């Protein structure tokens, strides 16, 4: 079964307020809440999620994975690899972790990264297209709009890749409503 990663992104946007995050939370809270969201989603879809998974010690730790078809000793279907990164200087390392050559190749990958601007997103997409050998990859970039003075990333850009081709893009916007951060697909009205 191929995951519809853009549909997962739609759910992430629509349900973002359920993470109960505010501008007062630290970066670690965002990372942990988002990984937990995708972990619960994987469980609800019938997969077995793991955090800090190393594929039985054969690969460096991955933030989260979904597996299927356990034979009593081994997992045979590597459904999803997710990486979540806050540090602006680790964006290339995140792409490397998602698209590295490895023994167990995931069917799908999701990378969620904070980046400083749209120019950096363009650079990372060019790099991802050079590295990606996976048929189903979603890169989510959290960044600032040009006029942002809010103190939090207010734009979220999603790029669906099929190997070296961008198949689809979407943009969501973040707003602070009563102390909780919400995401929506239309630009919030001032």
N, C-alpha and C. Protein backbone atom coordinates (compact mmCIF):
# COMPACT_ATOMS: atom_id res chain seq x y z
N UNK A 1 0.84 -1.17 0.00
CA UNK A 1 0.00 0.00 0.00
C UNK A 1 0.89 1.24 0.00
N UNK A 2 0.72 2.10 -0.99
CA UNK A 2 1.46 3.35 -1.05
C UNK A 2 0.71 4.41 -0.24
N UNK A 3 1.43 5.05 0.67
CA UNK A 3 0.83 6.10 1.48
C UNK A 3 0.60 7.35 0.63
N UNK A 4 -0.53 8.00 0.82
CA UNK A 4 -0.80 9.28 0.19
C UNK A 4 -0.24 10.35 1.13
N UNK A 5 1.01 10.74 0.90
CA UNK A 5 1.68 11.64 1.82
C UNK A 5 1.07 13.04 1.84
N UNK A 6 0.52 13.49 0.73
CA UNK A 6 -0.15 14.80 0.74
C UNK A 6 -1.42 14.75 1.58
N UNK A 7 -2.10 13.61 1.60
CA UNK A 7 -3.27 13.46 2.47
C UNK A 7 -2.82 13.47 3.94
N UNK A 8 -1.67 12.86 4.24
CA UNK A 8 -1.13 12.93 5.60
C UNK A 8 -0.79 14.38 5.96
N UNK A 9 -0.26 15.14 5.00
CA UNK A 9 0.03 16.55 5.24
C UNK A 9 -1.26 17.33 5.52
N UNK A 10 -2.30 17.05 4.74
CA UNK A 10 -3.60 17.71 4.98
C UNK A 10 -4.08 17.47 6.41
N UNK A 11 -3.98 16.24 6.88
CA UNK A 11 -4.38 15.92 8.26
C UNK A 11 -3.50 16.60 9.29
N UNK A 12 -2.21 16.66 9.02
CA UNK A 12 -1.26 17.35 9.89
C UNK A 12 -1.66 18.82 10.05
N UNK A 13 -2.01 19.47 8.94
CA UNK A 13 -2.41 20.87 8.98
C UNK A 13 -3.73 21.03 9.74
N UNK A 14 -4.72 20.23 9.38
CA UNK A 14 -6.04 20.37 10.00
C UNK A 14 -6.05 20.06 11.50
N UNK A 15 -5.16 19.17 11.91
CA UNK A 15 -5.13 18.74 13.31
C UNK A 15 -4.01 19.38 14.13
N UNK A 16 -3.30 20.32 13.55
CA UNK A 16 -2.15 20.90 14.24
C UNK A 16 -2.52 21.50 15.59
N UNK A 17 -3.69 22.11 15.67
CA UNK A 17 -4.11 22.72 16.94
C UNK A 17 -4.23 21.69 18.06
N UNK A 18 -4.44 20.42 17.73
CA UNK A 18 -4.57 19.39 18.77
C UNK A 18 -3.24 19.12 19.48
N UNK A 19 -2.13 19.58 18.89
CA UNK A 19 -0.83 19.42 19.55
C UNK A 19 -0.70 20.38 20.73
N UNK A 20 -1.59 21.38 20.77
CA UNK A 20 -1.64 22.34 21.87
C UNK A 20 -0.30 23.03 22.09
N UNK A 21 0.33 23.45 20.99
CA UNK A 21 1.60 24.16 21.05
C UNK A 21 1.35 25.66 20.99
N UNK A 22 2.19 26.41 21.66
CA UNK A 22 2.08 27.87 21.64
C UNK A 22 3.44 28.46 21.32
N UNK A 23 3.47 29.78 21.15
CA UNK A 23 4.74 30.44 20.88
C UNK A 23 5.67 30.36 22.09
N UNK A 24 5.16 29.97 23.23
CA UNK A 24 5.96 29.88 24.45
C UNK A 24 6.66 28.53 24.61
N UNK A 25 6.30 27.55 23.79
CA UNK A 25 6.96 26.24 23.85
C UNK A 25 8.35 26.32 23.21
N UNK A 26 9.25 25.53 23.70
CA UNK A 26 10.60 25.45 23.14
C UNK A 26 10.63 24.53 21.93
N UNK A 27 11.74 24.58 21.21
CA UNK A 27 11.89 23.78 19.99
C UNK A 27 11.72 22.29 20.25
N UNK A 28 12.21 21.82 21.38
CA UNK A 28 12.11 20.39 21.70
C UNK A 28 10.64 19.96 21.83
N UNK A 29 9.80 20.82 22.39
CA UNK A 29 8.38 20.50 22.52
C UNK A 29 7.73 20.33 21.15
N UNK A 30 8.10 21.18 20.19
CA UNK A 30 7.57 21.05 18.83
C UNK A 30 7.98 19.71 18.23
N UNK A 31 9.27 19.39 18.35
CA UNK A 31 9.77 18.13 17.79
C UNK A 31 9.06 16.93 18.40
N UNK A 32 9.01 16.87 19.71
CA UNK A 32 8.42 15.71 20.38
C UNK A 32 6.93 15.60 20.08
N UNK A 33 6.21 16.73 20.07
CA UNK A 33 4.77 16.70 19.80
C UNK A 33 4.49 16.24 18.38
N UNK A 34 5.27 16.70 17.42
CA UNK A 34 5.05 16.31 16.03
C UNK A 34 5.41 14.85 15.79
N UNK A 35 6.49 14.38 16.38
CA UNK A 35 6.85 12.96 16.25
C UNK A 35 5.76 12.09 16.89
N UNK A 36 5.28 12.50 18.07
CA UNK A 36 4.21 11.74 18.74
C UNK A 36 2.94 11.73 17.90
N UNK A 37 2.61 12.84 17.23
CA UNK A 37 1.44 12.90 16.35
C UNK A 37 1.56 11.82 15.26
N UNK A 38 2.71 11.77 14.60
CA UNK A 38 2.88 10.79 13.52
C UNK A 38 2.98 9.37 14.05
N UNK A 39 3.49 9.19 15.25
CA UNK A 39 3.53 7.87 15.87
C UNK A 39 2.11 7.36 16.13
N UNK A 40 1.26 8.20 16.71
CA UNK A 40 -0.14 7.82 16.94
C UNK A 40 -0.86 7.54 15.63
N UNK A 41 -0.61 8.38 14.62
CA UNK A 41 -1.23 8.17 13.32
C UNK A 41 -0.84 6.81 12.75
N UNK A 42 0.44 6.47 12.82
CA UNK A 42 0.89 5.16 12.33
C UNK A 42 0.19 4.02 13.04
N UNK A 43 0.06 4.13 14.35
CA UNK A 43 -0.66 3.10 15.13
C UNK A 43 -2.11 2.99 14.69
N UNK A 44 -2.77 4.15 14.48
CA UNK A 44 -4.17 4.12 14.07
C UNK A 44 -4.34 3.52 12.67
N UNK A 45 -3.31 3.63 11.84
CA UNK A 45 -3.38 3.04 10.50
C UNK A 45 -2.99 1.56 10.50
N UNK A 46 -2.61 1.03 11.65
CA UNK A 46 -2.30 -0.39 11.76
C UNK A 46 -0.83 -0.74 11.66
N UNK A 47 0.06 0.25 11.65
CA UNK A 47 1.49 0.01 11.59
C UNK A 47 2.08 0.03 13.00
N UNK A 48 3.30 -0.46 13.13
CA UNK A 48 3.98 -0.41 14.41
C UNK A 48 5.06 0.67 14.34
N UNK A 49 4.85 1.79 15.04
CA UNK A 49 5.84 2.87 15.02
C UNK A 49 6.94 2.65 16.05
N UNK A 50 8.14 3.10 15.67
CA UNK A 50 9.29 3.10 16.57
C UNK A 50 9.92 4.48 16.53
N UNK A 51 10.38 4.97 17.69
CA UNK A 51 11.16 6.20 17.71
C UNK A 51 12.62 5.83 17.95
N UNK A 52 13.50 6.66 17.41
CA UNK A 52 14.95 6.42 17.49
C UNK A 52 15.30 5.01 17.02
N UNK A 53 14.70 4.60 15.93
CA UNK A 53 14.89 3.27 15.37
C UNK A 53 16.23 3.19 14.63
N UNK A 54 16.95 2.08 14.80
CA UNK A 54 18.23 1.87 14.12
C UNK A 54 18.20 0.67 13.18
N UNK A 55 17.04 0.12 12.89
CA UNK A 55 16.93 -1.08 12.03
C UNK A 55 17.82 -2.19 12.57
N UNK A 56 17.63 -2.53 13.83
CA UNK A 56 18.43 -3.56 14.50
C UNK A 56 19.91 -3.24 14.48
N UNK A 57 20.24 -1.96 14.63
CA UNK A 57 21.64 -1.54 14.70
C UNK A 57 22.34 -1.44 13.36
N UNK A 58 21.61 -1.54 12.25
CA UNK A 58 22.25 -1.48 10.93
C UNK A 58 22.25 -0.08 10.33
N UNK A 59 21.62 0.89 10.99
CA UNK A 59 21.53 2.24 10.45
C UNK A 59 21.53 3.23 11.60
N UNK A 60 21.95 4.45 11.35
CA UNK A 60 21.94 5.46 12.42
C UNK A 60 20.49 5.75 12.84
N UNK A 61 20.33 6.24 14.05
CA UNK A 61 19.00 6.42 14.62
C UNK A 61 18.12 7.33 13.76
N UNK A 62 16.91 6.86 13.50
CA UNK A 62 15.91 7.61 12.75
C UNK A 62 14.88 8.12 13.75
N UNK A 63 14.40 9.34 13.58
CA UNK A 63 13.47 9.91 14.56
C UNK A 63 12.25 9.03 14.75
N UNK A 64 11.66 8.54 13.65
CA UNK A 64 10.49 7.68 13.77
C UNK A 64 10.36 6.82 12.52
N UNK A 65 9.90 5.59 12.72
CA UNK A 65 9.64 4.68 11.60
C UNK A 65 8.30 3.99 11.81
N UNK A 66 7.70 3.56 10.70
CA UNK A 66 6.52 2.68 10.73
C UNK A 66 6.91 1.38 10.05
N UNK A 67 6.55 0.25 10.68
CA UNK A 67 6.84 -1.08 10.14
C UNK A 67 5.55 -1.88 10.05
N UNK A 68 5.58 -2.92 9.20
CA UNK A 68 4.45 -3.82 9.01
C UNK A 68 5.01 -5.22 8.73
N UNK A 69 4.21 -6.24 8.94
CA UNK A 69 4.56 -7.65 8.64
C UNK A 69 5.75 -8.17 9.43
N UNK A 70 5.49 -8.50 10.68
CA UNK A 70 6.47 -9.09 11.58
C UNK A 70 6.33 -10.61 11.53
N UNK A 71 7.43 -11.33 11.33
CA UNK A 71 7.37 -12.78 11.23
C UNK A 71 7.76 -13.49 12.54
N UNK A 72 7.90 -12.73 13.61
CA UNK A 72 8.31 -13.30 14.89
C UNK A 72 9.75 -12.98 15.21
N UNK A 73 10.56 -12.74 14.19
CA UNK A 73 11.96 -12.36 14.37
C UNK A 73 12.30 -11.02 13.72
N UNK A 74 11.74 -10.77 12.54
CA UNK A 74 12.09 -9.58 11.78
C UNK A 74 10.85 -8.87 11.24
N UNK A 75 11.01 -7.55 11.05
CA UNK A 75 10.00 -6.76 10.35
C UNK A 75 10.39 -6.74 8.88
N UNK A 76 9.40 -6.94 8.00
CA UNK A 76 9.72 -7.06 6.57
C UNK A 76 9.28 -5.88 5.72
N UNK A 77 8.37 -5.07 6.16
CA UNK A 77 7.91 -3.93 5.36
C UNK A 77 8.22 -2.63 6.09
N UNK A 78 9.21 -1.92 5.59
CA UNK A 78 9.60 -0.62 6.12
C UNK A 78 8.72 0.42 5.43
N UNK A 79 7.66 0.83 6.10
CA UNK A 79 6.63 1.68 5.51
C UNK A 79 7.06 3.14 5.45
N UNK A 80 7.59 3.70 6.56
CA UNK A 80 7.85 5.14 6.62
C UNK A 80 9.05 5.44 7.50
N UNK A 81 9.85 6.40 7.06
CA UNK A 81 10.93 6.98 7.86
C UNK A 81 10.63 8.47 7.96
N UNK A 82 10.55 9.01 9.20
CA UNK A 82 10.29 10.43 9.43
C UNK A 82 11.46 11.04 10.19
N UNK A 83 11.89 12.20 9.74
CA UNK A 83 12.90 13.00 10.44
C UNK A 83 12.31 14.36 10.73
N UNK A 84 12.56 14.88 11.93
CA UNK A 84 12.09 16.22 12.34
C UNK A 84 13.30 16.99 12.85
N UNK A 85 13.60 18.14 12.24
CA UNK A 85 14.79 18.92 12.61
C UNK A 85 14.45 20.38 12.84
N UNK A 86 14.92 20.91 13.98
CA UNK A 86 14.76 22.32 14.32
C UNK A 86 15.95 23.18 13.90
N UNK A 87 17.15 22.61 13.98
CA UNK A 87 18.36 23.39 13.74
C UNK A 87 18.49 23.77 12.28
N UNK A 88 18.64 25.06 12.03
CA UNK A 88 18.76 25.54 10.65
C UNK A 88 20.00 24.99 9.96
N UNK A 89 21.05 24.70 10.72
CA UNK A 89 22.29 24.23 10.11
C UNK A 89 22.34 22.71 9.93
N UNK A 90 21.23 22.01 10.19
CA UNK A 90 21.21 20.55 10.01
C UNK A 90 20.26 20.12 8.90
N UNK A 91 19.86 21.04 8.04
CA UNK A 91 18.92 20.70 6.98
C UNK A 91 19.52 19.72 5.96
N UNK A 92 20.77 19.93 5.57
CA UNK A 92 21.40 19.00 4.62
C UNK A 92 21.62 17.62 5.25
N UNK A 93 21.97 17.60 6.53
CA UNK A 93 22.13 16.34 7.24
C UNK A 93 20.80 15.57 7.29
N UNK A 94 19.70 16.30 7.43
CA UNK A 94 18.38 15.67 7.44
C UNK A 94 18.08 15.03 6.08
N UNK A 95 18.39 15.74 4.99
CA UNK A 95 18.20 15.15 3.66
C UNK A 95 19.07 13.91 3.49
N UNK A 96 20.29 13.98 3.98
CA UNK A 96 21.20 12.83 3.90
C UNK A 96 20.60 11.62 4.64
N UNK A 97 20.08 11.84 5.84
CA UNK A 97 19.49 10.74 6.60
C UNK A 97 18.28 10.14 5.87
N UNK A 98 17.48 10.99 5.23
CA UNK A 98 16.30 10.50 4.52
C UNK A 98 16.65 9.73 3.25
N UNK A 99 17.67 10.17 2.53
CA UNK A 99 17.93 9.64 1.19
C UNK A 99 19.22 8.84 1.06
N UNK A 100 19.91 8.55 2.16
CA UNK A 100 21.12 7.73 2.14
C UNK A 100 20.87 6.34 1.56
N UNK A 101 21.92 5.76 0.98
CA UNK A 101 21.89 4.35 0.61
C UNK A 101 21.86 3.55 1.91
N UNK A 102 21.04 2.50 1.94
CA UNK A 102 20.94 1.67 3.14
C UNK A 102 20.37 0.31 2.78
N UNK A 103 20.55 -0.62 3.69
CA UNK A 103 20.06 -1.98 3.46
C UNK A 103 18.54 -2.03 3.44
N UNK A 104 17.90 -1.46 4.45
CA UNK A 104 16.44 -1.41 4.52
C UNK A 104 15.98 -0.06 4.00
N UNK A 105 15.31 -0.08 2.85
CA UNK A 105 14.85 1.17 2.22
C UNK A 105 13.36 1.35 2.52
N UNK A 106 12.99 2.52 3.05
CA UNK A 106 11.57 2.75 3.35
C UNK A 106 10.77 2.97 2.08
N UNK A 107 9.48 2.61 2.14
CA UNK A 107 8.59 2.87 1.01
C UNK A 107 8.32 4.36 0.87
N UNK A 108 8.31 5.09 2.00
CA UNK A 108 8.01 6.52 2.01
C UNK A 108 8.89 7.20 3.05
N UNK A 109 9.17 8.50 2.83
CA UNK A 109 9.89 9.30 3.83
C UNK A 109 9.19 10.64 3.99
N UNK A 110 9.29 11.17 5.21
CA UNK A 110 8.81 12.52 5.50
C UNK A 110 9.93 13.24 6.26
N UNK A 111 10.27 14.43 5.80
CA UNK A 111 11.22 15.29 6.50
C UNK A 111 10.53 16.59 6.86
N UNK A 112 10.59 16.97 8.13
CA UNK A 112 10.02 18.23 8.60
C UNK A 112 11.18 19.06 9.13
N UNK A 113 11.41 20.22 8.49
CA UNK A 113 12.58 21.03 8.84
C UNK A 113 12.22 22.50 8.99
N UNK A 114 12.89 23.15 9.93
CA UNK A 114 12.83 24.59 10.04
C UNK A 114 13.92 25.15 9.13
N UNK A 115 13.56 26.12 8.29
CA UNK A 115 14.54 26.77 7.41
C UNK A 115 14.34 28.28 7.48
N UNK A 116 15.40 29.02 7.14
CA UNK A 116 15.33 30.47 7.38
C UNK A 116 14.54 31.24 6.34
N UNK A 117 14.43 30.76 5.09
CA UNK A 117 13.71 31.54 4.08
C UNK A 117 13.41 30.70 2.83
N UNK A 118 12.68 31.31 1.90
CA UNK A 118 12.27 30.62 0.66
C UNK A 118 13.47 30.27 -0.21
N UNK A 119 14.50 31.09 -0.19
CA UNK A 119 15.71 30.80 -0.97
C UNK A 119 16.33 29.49 -0.50
N UNK A 120 16.38 29.29 0.80
CA UNK A 120 16.94 28.05 1.34
C UNK A 120 16.07 26.85 0.98
N UNK A 121 14.76 27.04 0.96
CA UNK A 121 13.87 25.96 0.53
C UNK A 121 14.21 25.55 -0.90
N UNK A 122 14.37 26.51 -1.80
CA UNK A 122 14.72 26.22 -3.19
C UNK A 122 16.03 25.44 -3.28
N UNK A 123 17.02 25.83 -2.49
CA UNK A 123 18.31 25.13 -2.48
C UNK A 123 18.14 23.69 -2.00
N UNK A 124 17.34 23.51 -0.96
CA UNK A 124 17.14 22.16 -0.41
C UNK A 124 16.34 21.28 -1.37
N UNK A 125 15.37 21.84 -2.07
CA UNK A 125 14.61 21.06 -3.05
C UNK A 125 15.53 20.62 -4.19
N UNK A 126 16.40 21.49 -4.66
CA UNK A 126 17.37 21.11 -5.69
C UNK A 126 18.24 19.97 -5.20
N UNK A 127 18.72 20.07 -3.97
CA UNK A 127 19.55 19.01 -3.38
C UNK A 127 18.75 17.71 -3.22
N UNK A 128 17.50 17.82 -2.77
CA UNK A 128 16.66 16.63 -2.59
C UNK A 128 16.43 15.93 -3.92
N UNK A 129 16.19 16.68 -4.97
CA UNK A 129 15.96 16.07 -6.29
C UNK A 129 17.21 15.33 -6.77
N UNK A 130 18.38 15.80 -6.38
CA UNK A 130 19.63 15.10 -6.74
C UNK A 130 19.84 13.83 -5.93
N UNK A 131 19.35 13.79 -4.70
CA UNK A 131 19.59 12.66 -3.80
C UNK A 131 18.47 11.62 -3.77
N UNK A 132 17.24 12.03 -4.01
CA UNK A 132 16.08 11.18 -3.78
C UNK A 132 15.97 10.05 -4.81
N UNK A 133 15.97 8.82 -4.30
CA UNK A 133 15.75 7.64 -5.14
C UNK A 133 14.47 6.92 -4.72
N UNK A 134 13.69 7.59 -3.86
CA UNK A 134 12.47 7.01 -3.31
C UNK A 134 11.28 7.53 -4.11
N UNK A 135 10.29 6.66 -4.32
CA UNK A 135 9.12 7.02 -5.11
C UNK A 135 8.13 7.92 -4.38
N UNK A 136 8.25 8.01 -3.06
CA UNK A 136 7.23 8.71 -2.27
C UNK A 136 7.91 9.44 -1.11
N UNK A 137 8.26 10.72 -1.34
CA UNK A 137 8.96 11.51 -0.33
C UNK A 137 8.23 12.84 -0.14
N UNK A 138 8.03 13.21 1.11
CA UNK A 138 7.39 14.49 1.43
C UNK A 138 8.36 15.31 2.28
N UNK A 139 8.66 16.51 1.80
CA UNK A 139 9.49 17.44 2.55
C UNK A 139 8.61 18.60 2.99
N UNK A 140 8.62 18.86 4.30
CA UNK A 140 7.82 19.93 4.89
C UNK A 140 8.80 20.94 5.48
N UNK A 141 8.70 22.19 5.00
CA UNK A 141 9.58 23.25 5.45
C UNK A 141 8.78 24.30 6.21
N UNK A 142 9.20 24.55 7.45
CA UNK A 142 8.59 25.59 8.28
C UNK A 142 9.50 26.80 8.19
N UNK A 143 8.94 27.96 7.77
CA UNK A 143 9.76 29.16 7.58
C UNK A 143 8.96 30.41 7.88
N UNK A 144 9.60 31.56 7.67
CA UNK A 144 8.98 32.86 7.91
C UNK A 144 8.56 33.49 6.59
N UNK A 145 7.39 34.11 6.59
CA UNK A 145 7.01 34.94 5.45
C UNK A 145 7.87 36.20 5.49
N UNK A 146 7.91 36.91 4.40
CA UNK A 146 8.76 38.10 4.30
C UNK A 146 8.41 39.12 5.38
N UNK A 147 7.13 39.32 5.62
CA UNK A 147 6.71 40.35 6.58
C UNK A 147 6.53 39.82 8.00
N UNK A 148 6.98 38.62 8.29
CA UNK A 148 6.73 38.03 9.60
C UNK A 148 7.53 38.72 10.71
N UNK A 149 6.83 39.20 11.71
CA UNK A 149 7.47 39.73 12.91
C UNK A 149 6.83 39.11 14.15
N UNK A 150 6.27 37.92 13.99
CA UNK A 150 5.47 37.29 15.04
C UNK A 150 6.29 36.48 16.04
N UNK A 151 7.52 36.14 15.71
CA UNK A 151 8.32 35.35 16.64
C UNK A 151 8.14 33.85 16.48
N UNK A 152 7.44 33.40 15.43
CA UNK A 152 7.31 31.97 15.14
C UNK A 152 7.24 31.79 13.62
N UNK A 153 7.56 30.58 13.16
CA UNK A 153 7.48 30.29 11.73
C UNK A 153 6.01 30.32 11.32
N UNK A 154 5.69 31.12 10.32
CA UNK A 154 4.28 31.31 9.96
C UNK A 154 3.90 30.73 8.60
N UNK A 155 4.84 30.13 7.90
CA UNK A 155 4.52 29.45 6.64
C UNK A 155 5.04 28.02 6.68
N UNK A 156 4.26 27.11 6.09
CA UNK A 156 4.65 25.71 6.03
C UNK A 156 4.47 25.25 4.58
N UNK A 157 5.58 24.87 3.95
CA UNK A 157 5.57 24.47 2.54
C UNK A 157 5.82 22.97 2.44
N UNK A 158 4.98 22.28 1.69
CA UNK A 158 5.11 20.84 1.50
C UNK A 158 5.42 20.55 0.03
N UNK A 159 6.39 19.66 -0.20
CA UNK A 159 6.80 19.24 -1.53
C UNK A 159 6.76 17.72 -1.59
N UNK A 160 5.97 17.19 -2.50
CA UNK A 160 5.89 15.74 -2.71
C UNK A 160 6.82 15.39 -3.86
N UNK A 161 7.78 14.51 -3.59
CA UNK A 161 8.75 14.10 -4.61
C UNK A 161 8.54 12.64 -5.00
N UNK A 162 8.73 12.37 -6.26
CA UNK A 162 8.83 11.02 -6.81
C UNK A 162 10.21 10.98 -7.46
N UNK A 163 11.15 10.35 -6.74
CA UNK A 163 12.56 10.35 -7.13
C UNK A 163 13.03 11.78 -7.36
N UNK A 164 13.44 12.14 -8.56
CA UNK A 164 14.02 13.47 -8.79
C UNK A 164 13.02 14.50 -9.31
N UNK A 165 11.73 14.25 -9.12
CA UNK A 165 10.70 15.14 -9.63
C UNK A 165 9.76 15.58 -8.51
N UNK A 166 9.49 16.89 -8.47
CA UNK A 166 8.47 17.40 -7.56
C UNK A 166 7.12 17.20 -8.22
N UNK A 167 6.25 16.40 -7.59
CA UNK A 167 4.95 16.06 -8.15
C UNK A 167 3.84 17.02 -7.71
N UNK A 168 3.96 17.56 -6.49
CA UNK A 168 2.88 18.39 -5.97
C UNK A 168 3.45 19.26 -4.85
N UNK A 169 2.87 20.45 -4.69
CA UNK A 169 3.25 21.33 -3.58
C UNK A 169 1.99 21.89 -2.93
N UNK A 170 2.11 22.25 -1.67
CA UNK A 170 1.03 22.91 -0.93
C UNK A 170 1.67 23.85 0.08
N UNK A 171 0.92 24.88 0.45
CA UNK A 171 1.38 25.82 1.47
C UNK A 171 0.28 26.01 2.50
N UNK A 172 0.68 25.99 3.76
CA UNK A 172 -0.23 26.28 4.87
C UNK A 172 0.35 27.45 5.65
N UNK A 173 -0.52 28.10 6.41
CA UNK A 173 -0.11 29.27 7.19
C UNK A 173 -0.44 29.04 8.66
N UNK A 174 0.45 29.52 9.52
CA UNK A 174 0.31 29.35 10.96
C UNK A 174 -0.16 30.66 11.57
N UNK A 175 -1.08 30.56 12.50
CA UNK A 175 -1.52 31.75 13.23
C UNK A 175 -1.65 31.40 14.71
N UNK A 176 -1.52 32.43 15.53
CA UNK A 176 -1.60 32.28 16.98
C UNK A 176 -3.00 32.75 17.41
N UNK A 177 -3.83 31.79 17.80
CA UNK A 177 -5.19 32.10 18.22
C UNK A 177 -5.33 31.73 19.69
N UNK A 178 -5.53 32.71 20.51
CA UNK A 178 -5.70 32.51 21.96
C UNK A 178 -4.57 31.70 22.58
N UNK A 179 -3.34 31.93 22.10
CA UNK A 179 -2.18 31.27 22.69
C UNK A 179 -1.83 29.92 22.06
N UNK A 180 -2.69 29.36 21.20
CA UNK A 180 -2.42 28.08 20.56
C UNK A 180 -2.11 28.32 19.08
N UNK A 181 -1.12 27.62 18.55
CA UNK A 181 -0.78 27.76 17.14
C UNK A 181 -1.70 26.88 16.29
N UNK A 182 -2.27 27.46 15.26
CA UNK A 182 -3.14 26.78 14.30
C UNK A 182 -2.51 26.84 12.93
N UNK A 183 -2.78 25.84 12.10
CA UNK A 183 -2.37 25.86 10.71
C UNK A 183 -3.61 25.80 9.86
N UNK A 184 -3.58 26.52 8.74
CA UNK A 184 -4.70 26.48 7.80
C UNK A 184 -4.16 26.69 6.39
N UNK A 185 -4.94 26.34 5.39
CA UNK A 185 -4.48 26.44 4.02
C UNK A 185 -4.69 27.82 3.41
N UNK A 186 -5.66 28.59 3.88
CA UNK A 186 -5.82 29.95 3.40
C UNK A 186 -5.01 30.88 4.27
N UNK A 187 -4.53 31.95 3.68
CA UNK A 187 -3.79 32.91 4.47
C UNK A 187 -4.71 33.57 5.49
N UNK A 188 -4.30 33.62 6.75
CA UNK A 188 -5.17 34.20 7.78
C UNK A 188 -5.44 35.67 7.51
N UNK A 189 -6.63 36.08 7.81
CA UNK A 189 -7.02 37.48 7.63
C UNK A 189 -6.45 38.31 8.78
N UNK A 190 -5.96 39.53 8.49
CA UNK A 190 -5.37 40.35 9.57
C UNK A 190 -6.39 40.80 10.58
